[in-house]
Amino acid sequence: MTANEGLAAAVGTTDQVLIEELSMLEGAMERNYAWAYEIIAPFLGRSLLEVGSGVGVMSRYLVDRGDPVVLSDHHPAYLSYLRDRFGARANVTLQILDLDHPPYVVDRSIDTIVCLNVLEHMADDAAVLAAFARLLPDRGRLVLQVPNYPALFGSLDESYGHFRRYTRRTLTARLQEAGFHIVALRNFNPLAIPGWIVSAKLLRSRRVGVRSARLFNALVPIARRMDFLSTFAGLALIVCAERRDA
């Protein structure tokens, strides 16, 4: 049994979909993930916690920085997969962290929480953000990526277990209520919106096809050159927010 097969056998249906999707997308969309990392990298501190690390699609970029990083997820099977992949790295700590059950305890001090494509999976996102704030020191940072535009909620969101998509206003309000101050907030990936509409709204697809993923990956250099369009729109939102003590 491969690592992917063993991991899928140990978790629920929604997680199996995510596991298969993430494993496929890591190879098919490497340029896109590298682009997202380049955007968040300037906001990262020197001691990180990544929540919802999954199979390590973005973790590898965080680990390669060389600074201490805690990789976490809610299921032991994910931790086993991450341990096989990153456990030999001296700067890596692994732990279970179930975001459905705050408050959270982390094995080492941190100055930055990285939460990419996770918050939309949480039924009570306000409670999660408040618990993140309690983990961070004053001026500690939270780096988020979430799906944009509630009107785009469709079959892919349902398949992936999303509770919601956000707007700039709703995300800002959630963060401020939790005690965060917005440092930077931007749209990401505007050129992916038409493809999402076709797949999730018109065709009602339940999976992102590998051909579609590879096609967009091939177009990432063009998307980078046209990133000025993110001033107006984006399939996702990326935000850096600081905890500010009253």
C-alpha atoms as a PDB file:
ATOM      1  CA  MET A   1       0.000   0.000   0.000  1.00  0.00           C
ATOM      2  CA  THR A   2       1.359   3.421  -0.923  1.00  0.00           C
ATOM      3  CA  ALA A   3       1.467   6.368   1.506  1.00  0.00           C
ATOM      4  CA  ASN A   4      -1.446   8.007  -0.318  1.00  0.00           C
ATOM      5  CA  GLU A   5      -3.516   4.814  -0.203  1.00  0.00           C
ATOM      6  CA  GLY A   6      -2.824   4.284   3.491  1.00  0.00           C
ATOM      7  CA  LEU A   7      -3.713   7.868   4.293  1.00  0.00           C
ATOM      8  CA  ALA A   8      -6.947   7.745   2.300  1.00  0.00           C
ATOM      9  CA  ALA A   9      -7.976   4.504   4.016  1.00  0.00           C
ATOM     10  CA  ALA A  10      -7.649   6.098   7.442  1.00  0.00           C
ATOM     11  CA  VAL A  11      -9.798   9.207   6.965  1.00  0.00           C
ATOM     12  CA  GLY A  12     -13.340  10.132   5.970  1.00  0.00           C
ATOM     13  CA  THR A  13     -14.844  10.669   2.534  1.00  0.00           C
ATOM     14  CA  THR A  14     -14.315  14.444   2.387  1.00  0.00           C
ATOM     15  CA  ASP A  15     -10.709  14.068   3.492  1.00  0.00           C
ATOM     16  CA  GLN A  16     -10.141  11.332   0.916  1.00  0.00           C
ATOM     17  CA  VAL A  17     -11.256  13.751  -1.802  1.00  0.00           C
ATOM     18  CA  LEU A  18      -8.904  16.404  -0.448  1.00  0.00           C
ATOM     19  CA  ILE A  19      -5.987  13.987  -0.165  1.00  0.00           C
ATOM     20  CA  GLU A  20      -6.344  12.797  -3.723  1.00  0.00           C
ATOM     21  CA  GLU A  21      -6.869  16.355  -4.953  1.00  0.00           C
ATOM     22  CA  LEU A  22      -3.866  17.783  -3.122  1.00  0.00           C
ATOM     23  CA  SER A  23      -1.569  14.978  -4.222  1.00  0.00           C
ATOM     24  CA  MET A  24      -2.598  15.455  -7.840  1.00  0.00           C
ATOM     25  CA  LEU A  25      -2.469  19.242  -7.702  1.00  0.00           C
ATOM     26  CA  GLU A  26       0.992  19.412  -6.157  1.00  0.00           C
ATOM     27  CA  GLY A  27       2.533  18.086  -9.319  1.00  0.00           C
ATOM     28  CA  ALA A  28       0.050  19.623 -11.729  1.00  0.00           C
ATOM     29  CA  MET A  29       0.071  23.146 -10.250  1.00  0.00           C
ATOM     30  CA  GLU A  30       3.582  23.615  -8.907  1.00  0.00           C
ATOM     31  CA  ARG A  31       3.968  27.049 -10.513  1.00  0.00           C
ATOM     32  CA  ASN A  32       0.737  28.245  -8.907  1.00  0.00           C
ATOM     33  CA  TYR A  33       1.799  27.124  -5.433  1.00  0.00           C
ATOM     34  CA  ALA A  34       5.212  28.722  -5.877  1.00  0.00           C
ATOM     35  CA  TRP A  35       3.488  31.965  -6.868  1.00  0.00           C
ATOM     36  CA  ALA A  36       1.275  31.904  -3.777  1.00  0.00           C
ATOM     37  CA  TYR A  37       4.305  31.274  -1.578  1.00  0.00           C
ATOM     38  CA  GLU A  38       6.186  34.227  -3.092  1.00  0.00           C
ATOM     39  CA  ILE A  39       3.246  36.466  -2.192  1.00  0.00           C
ATOM     40  CA  ILE A  40       3.066  35.366   1.453  1.00  0.00           C
ATOM     41  CA  ALA A  41       6.823  35.014   2.063  1.00  0.00           C
ATOM     42  CA  PRO A  42       7.459  38.703   2.951  1.00  0.00           C
ATOM     43  CA  PHE A  43       4.910  38.456   5.783  1.00  0.00           C
ATOM     44  CA  LEU A  44       6.369  35.384   7.479  1.00  0.00           C
ATOM     45  CA  GLY A  45       8.229  35.638  10.770  1.00  0.00           C
ATOM     46  CA  ARG A  46      10.975  33.393  12.141  1.00  0.00           C
ATOM     47  CA  SER A  47       8.916  30.764  13.991  1.00  0.00           C
ATOM     48  CA  LEU A  48       5.919  29.375  12.127  1.00  0.00           C
ATOM     49  CA  LEU A  49       2.834  27.275  12.739  1.00  0.00           C
ATOM     50  CA  GLU A  50       1.101  25.915   9.653  1.00  0.00           C
ATOM     51  CA  VAL A  51      -2.435  24.728  10.356  1.00  0.00           C
ATOM     52  CA  GLY A  52      -4.089  22.256   8.032  1.00  0.00           C
ATOM     53  CA  SER A  53      -0.771  21.117   6.549  1.00  0.00           C
ATOM     54  CA  GLY A  54      -2.484  18.181   4.839  1.00  0.00           C
ATOM     55  CA  VAL A  55      -0.016  16.322   2.646  1.00  0.00           C
ATOM     56  CA  GLY A  56       2.498  19.166   2.658  1.00  0.00           C
ATOM     57  CA  VAL A  57       1.717  20.939  -0.601  1.00  0.00           C
ATOM     58  CA  MET A  58       2.715  24.322   0.846  1.00  0.00           C
ATOM     59  CA  SER A  59       4.679  22.970   3.813  1.00  0.00           C
ATOM     60  CA  ARG A  60       7.699  22.243   1.667  1.00  0.00           C
ATOM     61  CA  TYR A  61       8.199  25.952   0.982  1.00  0.00           C
ATOM     62  CA  LEU A  62       7.926  26.779   4.691  1.00  0.00           C
ATOM     63  CA  VAL A  63      10.286  23.959   5.697  1.00  0.00           C
ATOM     64  CA  ASP A  64      12.901  24.944   3.125  1.00  0.00           C
ATOM     65  CA  ARG A  65      13.247  28.397   4.724  1.00  0.00           C
ATOM     66  CA  GLY A  66      15.196  26.721   7.534  1.00  0.00           C
ATOM     67  CA  ASP A  67      13.399  28.518  10.384  1.00  0.00           C
ATOM     68  CA  PRO A  68      11.500  26.531  13.035  1.00  0.00           C
ATOM     69  CA  VAL A  69       8.119  25.414  11.752  1.00  0.00           C
ATOM     70  CA  VAL A  70       5.325  23.398  13.350  1.00  0.00           C
ATOM     71  CA  LEU A  71       3.309  21.397  10.806  1.00  0.00           C
ATOM     72  CA  SER A  72      -0.115  20.393  12.065  1.00  0.00           C
ATOM     73  CA  ASP A  73      -3.354  18.762  11.039  1.00  0.00           C
ATOM     74  CA  HIS A  74      -6.430  17.261  12.665  1.00  0.00           C
ATOM     75  CA  HIS A  75      -5.912  13.566  11.876  1.00  0.00           C
ATOM     76  CA  PRO A  76      -3.047  11.229  12.862  1.00  0.00           C
ATOM     77  CA  ALA A  77      -2.933   9.840   9.327  1.00  0.00           C
ATOM     78  CA  TYR A  78      -1.952  13.249   7.962  1.00  0.00           C
ATOM     79  CA  LEU A  79       0.765  13.543  10.599  1.00  0.00           C
ATOM     80  CA  SER A  80       2.117  10.153   9.578  1.00  0.00           C
ATOM     81  CA  TYR A  81       2.316  11.302   5.971  1.00  0.00           C
ATOM     82  CA  LEU A  82       4.003  14.579   6.968  1.00  0.00           C
ATOM     83  CA  ARG A  83       6.431  12.728   9.227  1.00  0.00           C
ATOM     84  CA  ASP A  84       7.511  10.499   6.353  1.00  0.00           C
ATOM     85  CA  ARG A  85       8.020  13.550   4.184  1.00  0.00           C
ATOM     86  CA  PHE A  86       9.524  16.118   6.566  1.00  0.00           C
ATOM     87  CA  GLY A  87      10.251  14.364   9.867  1.00  0.00           C
ATOM     88  CA  ALA A  88      13.998  14.163   9.278  1.00  0.00           C
ATOM     89  CA  ARG A  89      14.311  17.948   8.986  1.00  0.00           C
ATOM     90  CA  ALA A  90      15.796  19.459  12.154  1.00  0.00           C
ATOM     91  CA  ASN A  91      13.630  22.599  11.987  1.00  0.00           C
ATOM     92  CA  VAL A  92      10.325  20.678  11.786  1.00  0.00           C
ATOM     93  CA  THR A  93       7.952  19.804  14.631  1.00  0.00           C
ATOM     94  CA  LEU A  94       4.775  17.842  13.973  1.00  0.00           C
ATOM     95  CA  GLN A  95       1.626  17.809  16.068  1.00  0.00           C
ATOM     96  CA  ILE A  96      -2.092  17.133  16.012  1.00  0.00           C
ATOM     97  CA  LEU A  97      -4.162  20.323  16.077  1.00  0.00           C
ATOM     98  CA  ASP A  98      -7.926  19.972  15.771  1.00  0.00           C
ATOM     99  CA  LEU A  99      -9.282  23.414  14.902  1.00  0.00           C
ATOM    100  CA  ASP A 100     -12.802  22.338  15.876  1.00  0.00           C
ATOM    101  CA  HIS A 101     -11.748  22.219  19.525  1.00  0.00           C
ATOM    102  CA  PRO A 102     -10.168  25.452  20.792  1.00  0.00           C
ATOM    103  CA  PRO A 103      -8.250  26.599  22.738  1.00  0.00           C
ATOM    104  CA  TYR A 104      -5.139  25.374  20.972  1.00  0.00           C
ATOM    105  CA  VAL A 105      -1.812  24.375  22.497  1.00  0.00           C
ATOM    106  CA  VAL A 106       1.363  24.450  20.406  1.00  0.00           C
ATOM    107  CA  ASP A 107       4.591  22.713  21.340  1.00  0.00           C
ATOM    108  CA  ARG A 108       6.837  25.766  20.830  1.00  0.00           C
ATOM    109  CA  SER A 109       6.534  29.555  20.736  1.00  0.00           C
ATOM    110  CA  ILE A 110       5.491  30.981  17.385  1.00  0.00           C
ATOM    111  CA  ASP A 111       5.292  34.413  15.804  1.00  0.00           C
ATOM    112  CA  THR A 112       3.338  33.542  12.631  1.00  0.00           C
ATOM    113  CA  ILE A 113       0.382  31.294  11.849  1.00  0.00           C
ATOM    114  CA  VAL A 114      -0.010  30.185   8.232  1.00  0.00           C
ATOM    115  CA  CYS A 115      -3.551  29.119   7.350  1.00  0.00           C
ATOM    116  CA  LEU A 116      -3.997  28.545   3.624  1.00  0.00           C
ATOM    117  CA  ASN A 117      -7.296  27.267   2.235  1.00  0.00           C
ATOM    118  CA  VAL A 118      -8.405  26.023   5.654  1.00  0.00           C
ATOM    119  CA  LEU A 119     -10.655  28.629   7.297  1.00  0.00           C
ATOM    120  CA  GLU A 120     -13.504  28.000   4.845  1.00  0.00           C
ATOM    121  CA  HIS A 121     -13.662  24.405   6.124  1.00  0.00           C
ATOM    122  CA  MET A 122     -14.451  25.528   9.682  1.00  0.00           C
ATOM    123  CA  ALA A 123     -18.077  25.773  10.804  1.00  0.00           C
ATOM    124  CA  ASP A 124     -17.233  28.430  13.428  1.00  0.00           C
ATOM    125  CA  ASP A 125     -14.556  30.509  11.763  1.00  0.00           C
ATOM    126  CA  ALA A 126     -14.916  33.299  14.332  1.00  0.00           C
ATOM    127  CA  ALA A 127     -13.962  30.908  17.152  1.00  0.00           C
ATOM    128  CA  VAL A 128     -10.976  29.658  15.153  1.00  0.00           C
ATOM    129  CA  LEU A 129      -9.668  33.182  14.541  1.00  0.00           C
ATOM    130  CA  ALA A 130     -10.107  34.110  18.206  1.00  0.00           C
ATOM    131  CA  ALA A 131      -8.131  30.994  19.187  1.00  0.00           C
ATOM    132  CA  PHE A 132      -5.388  31.919  16.697  1.00  0.00           C
ATOM    133  CA  ALA A 133      -5.138  35.344  18.312  1.00  0.00           C
ATOM    134  CA  ARG A 134      -4.617  33.747  21.729  1.00  0.00           C
ATOM    135  CA  LEU A 135      -1.697  31.710  20.355  1.00  0.00           C
ATOM    136  CA  LEU A 136       0.194  34.734  19.052  1.00  0.00           C
ATOM    137  CA  PRO A 137       2.210  37.397  20.860  1.00  0.00           C
ATOM    138  CA  ASP A 138       1.503  41.084  20.367  1.00  0.00           C
ATOM    139  CA  ARG A 139       2.360  41.910  16.712  1.00  0.00           C
ATOM    140  CA  GLY A 140       2.341  38.209  15.887  1.00  0.00           C
ATOM    141  CA  ARG A 141       1.015  37.573  12.395  1.00  0.00           C
ATOM    142  CA  LEU A 142      -1.697  35.466  10.778  1.00  0.00           C
ATOM    143  CA  VAL A 143      -1.341  34.748   7.044  1.00  0.00           C
ATOM    144  CA  LEU A 144      -4.546  33.511   5.411  1.00  0.00           C
ATOM    145  CA  GLN A 145      -5.729  32.399   2.008  1.00  0.00           C
ATOM    146  CA  VAL A 146      -9.476  31.896   1.561  1.00  0.00           C
ATOM    147  CA  PRO A 147     -11.853  31.576  -1.411  1.00  0.00           C
ATOM    148  CA  ASN A 148     -13.356  34.826  -2.674  1.00  0.00           C
ATOM    149  CA  TYR A 149     -16.933  35.771  -3.690  1.00  0.00           C
ATOM    150  CA  PRO A 150     -19.920  33.965  -2.112  1.00  0.00           C
ATOM    151  CA  ALA A 151     -21.666  34.117  -5.503  1.00  0.00           C
ATOM    152  CA  LEU A 152     -19.092  31.641  -6.823  1.00  0.00           C
ATOM    153  CA  PHE A 153     -20.018  28.989  -4.232  1.00  0.00           C
ATOM    154  CA  GLY A 154     -20.647  25.842  -6.237  1.00  0.00           C
ATOM    155  CA  SER A 155     -20.187  22.108  -6.608  1.00  0.00           C
ATOM    156  CA  LEU A 156     -16.439  22.185  -5.990  1.00  0.00           C
ATOM    157  CA  ASP A 157     -16.943  24.046  -2.690  1.00  0.00           C
ATOM    158  CA  GLU A 158     -19.499  21.428  -1.665  1.00  0.00           C
ATOM    159  CA  SER A 159     -17.211  18.550  -2.625  1.00  0.00           C
ATOM    160  CA  TYR A 160     -14.278  20.007  -0.702  1.00  0.00           C
ATOM    161  CA  GLY A 161     -16.332  20.625   2.452  1.00  0.00           C
ATOM    162  CA  HIS A 162     -16.408  24.426   2.334  1.00  0.00           C
ATOM    163  CA  PHE A 163     -18.885  26.223   4.566  1.00  0.00           C
ATOM    164  CA  ARG A 164     -18.516  29.553   2.808  1.00  0.00           C
ATOM    165  CA  ARG A 165     -16.638  31.848   0.475  1.00  0.00           C
ATOM    166  CA  TYR A 166     -15.606  35.309   1.697  1.00  0.00           C
ATOM    167  CA  THR A 167     -15.669  38.923   0.663  1.00  0.00           C
ATOM    168  CA  ARG A 168     -13.028  41.468   1.604  1.00  0.00           C
ATOM    169  CA  ARG A 169     -15.553  43.051   3.965  1.00  0.00           C
ATOM    170  CA  THR A 170     -16.601  39.857   5.754  1.00  0.00           C
ATOM    171  CA  LEU A 171     -13.024  38.638   6.143  1.00  0.00           C
ATOM    172  CA  THR A 172     -11.868  41.996   7.477  1.00  0.00           C
ATOM    173  CA  ALA A 173     -14.751  42.077   9.963  1.00  0.00           C
ATOM    174  CA  ARG A 174     -13.995  38.546  11.196  1.00  0.00           C
ATOM    175  CA  LEU A 175     -10.347  39.389  11.731  1.00  0.00           C
ATOM    176  CA  GLN A 176     -11.022  42.660  13.508  1.00  0.00           C
ATOM    177  CA  GLU A 177     -13.536  40.999  15.824  1.00  0.00           C
ATOM    178  CA  ALA A 178     -10.819  38.505  16.778  1.00  0.00           C
ATOM    179  CA  GLY A 179      -8.372  41.299  17.641  1.00  0.00           C
ATOM    180  CA  PHE A 180      -6.367  41.452  14.419  1.00  0.00           C
ATOM    181  CA  HIS A 181      -5.241  44.504  12.454  1.00  0.00           C
ATOM    182  CA  ILE A 182      -5.055  44.156   8.656  1.00  0.00           C
ATOM    183  CA  VAL A 183      -1.511  44.628   7.363  1.00  0.00           C
ATOM    184  CA  ALA A 184      -2.161  43.623   3.746  1.00  0.00           C
ATOM    185  CA  LEU A 185      -5.156  42.265   1.865  1.00  0.00           C
ATOM    186  CA  ARG A 186      -5.184  41.396  -1.816  1.00  0.00           C
ATOM    187  CA  ASN A 187      -7.017  39.405  -4.449  1.00  0.00           C
ATOM    188  CA  PHE A 188      -5.211  36.407  -5.921  1.00  0.00           C
ATOM    189  CA  ASN A 189      -5.552  34.520  -9.186  1.00  0.00           C
ATOM    190  CA  PRO A 190      -8.079  36.552 -11.221  1.00  0.00           C
ATOM    191  CA  LEU A 191      -7.517  34.541 -14.412  1.00  0.00           C
ATOM    192  CA  ALA A 192      -8.848  31.385 -12.718  1.00  0.00           C
ATOM    193  CA  ILE A 193     -12.335  32.850 -12.221  1.00  0.00           C
ATOM    194  CA  PRO A 194     -13.747  31.901 -15.649  1.00  0.00           C
ATOM    195  CA  GLY A 195     -12.571  28.302 -15.286  1.00  0.00           C
ATOM    196  CA  TRP A 196     -14.089  28.078 -11.814  1.00  0.00           C
ATOM    197  CA  ILE A 197     -17.433  29.369 -13.088  1.00  0.00           C
ATOM    198  CA  VAL A 198     -17.488  26.776 -15.858  1.00  0.00           C
ATOM    199  CA  SER A 199     -16.473  23.882 -13.593  1.00  0.00           C
ATOM    200  CA  ALA A 200     -18.290  24.690 -10.336  1.00  0.00           C
ATOM    201  CA  LYS A 201     -21.359  26.580 -11.538  1.00  0.00           C
ATOM    202  CA  LEU A 202     -22.148  25.405 -15.063  1.00  0.00           C
ATOM    203  CA  LEU A 203     -20.817  21.842 -15.279  1.00  0.00           C
ATOM    204  CA  ARG A 204     -21.291  21.167 -11.548  1.00  0.00           C
ATOM    205  CA  SER A 205     -18.011  19.261 -11.421  1.00  0.00           C
ATOM    206  CA  ARG A 206     -17.032  17.548  -8.176  1.00  0.00           C
ATOM    207  CA  ARG A 207     -13.301  17.464  -8.857  1.00  0.00           C
ATOM    208  CA  VAL A 208     -10.659  19.652 -10.441  1.00  0.00           C
ATOM    209  CA  GLY A 209      -9.455  17.679 -13.454  1.00  0.00           C
ATOM    210  CA  VAL A 210      -5.748  17.104 -13.872  1.00  0.00           C
ATOM    211  CA  ARG A 211      -5.893  18.448 -17.437  1.00  0.00           C
ATOM    212  CA  SER A 212      -7.465  21.689 -16.233  1.00  0.00           C
ATOM    213  CA  ALA A 213      -4.893  21.988 -13.448  1.00  0.00           C
ATOM    214  CA  ARG A 214      -1.996  21.444 -15.831  1.00  0.00           C
ATOM    215  CA  LEU A 215      -3.443  23.924 -18.297  1.00  0.00           C
ATOM    216  CA  PHE A 216      -3.648  26.638 -15.677  1.00  0.00           C
ATOM    217  CA  ASN A 217      -0.174  25.753 -14.425  1.00  0.00           C
ATOM    218  CA  ALA A 218       1.118  26.347 -17.941  1.00  0.00           C
ATOM    219  CA  LEU A 219      -0.607  29.743 -17.944  1.00  0.00           C
ATOM    220  CA  VAL A 220       0.838  30.907 -14.611  1.00  0.00           C
ATOM    221  CA  PRO A 221       3.643  32.926 -16.273  1.00  0.00           C
ATOM    222  CA  ILE A 222       0.950  34.858 -18.154  1.00  0.00           C
ATOM    223  CA  ALA A 223      -1.123  35.200 -14.980  1.00  0.00           C
ATOM    224  CA  ARG A 224       1.902  36.663 -13.210  1.00  0.00           C
ATOM    225  CA  ARG A 225       2.374  39.273 -15.928  1.00  0.00           C
ATOM    226  CA  MET A 226      -1.308  40.148 -15.691  1.00  0.00           C
ATOM    227  CA  ASP A 227      -1.345  40.297 -11.905  1.00  0.00           C
ATOM    228  CA  PHE A 228      -2.386  43.954 -12.119  1.00  0.00           C
ATOM    229  CA  LEU A 229      -5.901  42.520 -12.641  1.00  0.00           C
ATOM    230  CA  SER A 230      -5.858  41.430  -8.994  1.00  0.00           C
ATOM    231  CA  THR A 231      -6.545  45.066  -8.170  1.00  0.00           C
ATOM    232  CA  PHE A 232     -10.065  44.388  -9.391  1.00  0.00           C
ATOM    233  CA  ALA A 233     -10.780  40.682  -8.792  1.00  0.00           C
ATOM    234  CA  GLY A 234      -9.400  37.317  -7.713  1.00  0.00           C
ATOM    235  CA  LEU A 235     -10.602  33.774  -7.126  1.00  0.00           C
ATOM    236  CA  ALA A 236      -8.986  33.898  -3.678  1.00  0.00           C
ATOM    237  CA  LEU A 237      -8.090  36.436  -1.002  1.00  0.00           C
ATOM    238  CA  ILE A 238      -4.692  36.549   0.684  1.00  0.00           C
ATOM    239  CA  VAL A 239      -4.362  38.546   3.890  1.00  0.00           C
ATOM    240  CA  CYS A 240      -1.715  39.256   6.488  1.00  0.00           C
ATOM    241  CA  ALA A 241      -3.091  40.407   9.832  1.00  0.00           C
ATOM    242  CA  GLU A 242      -1.337  41.273  13.105  1.00  0.00           C
ATOM    243  CA  ARG A 243      -2.582  40.618  16.575  1.00  0.00           C
ATOM    244  CA  ARG A 244      -2.703  43.922  18.387  1.00  0.00           C
ATOM    245  CA  ASP A 245      -3.005  43.996  22.169  1.00  0.00           C
ATOM    246  CA  ALA A 246      -5.593  46.515  23.358  1.00  0.00           C
END
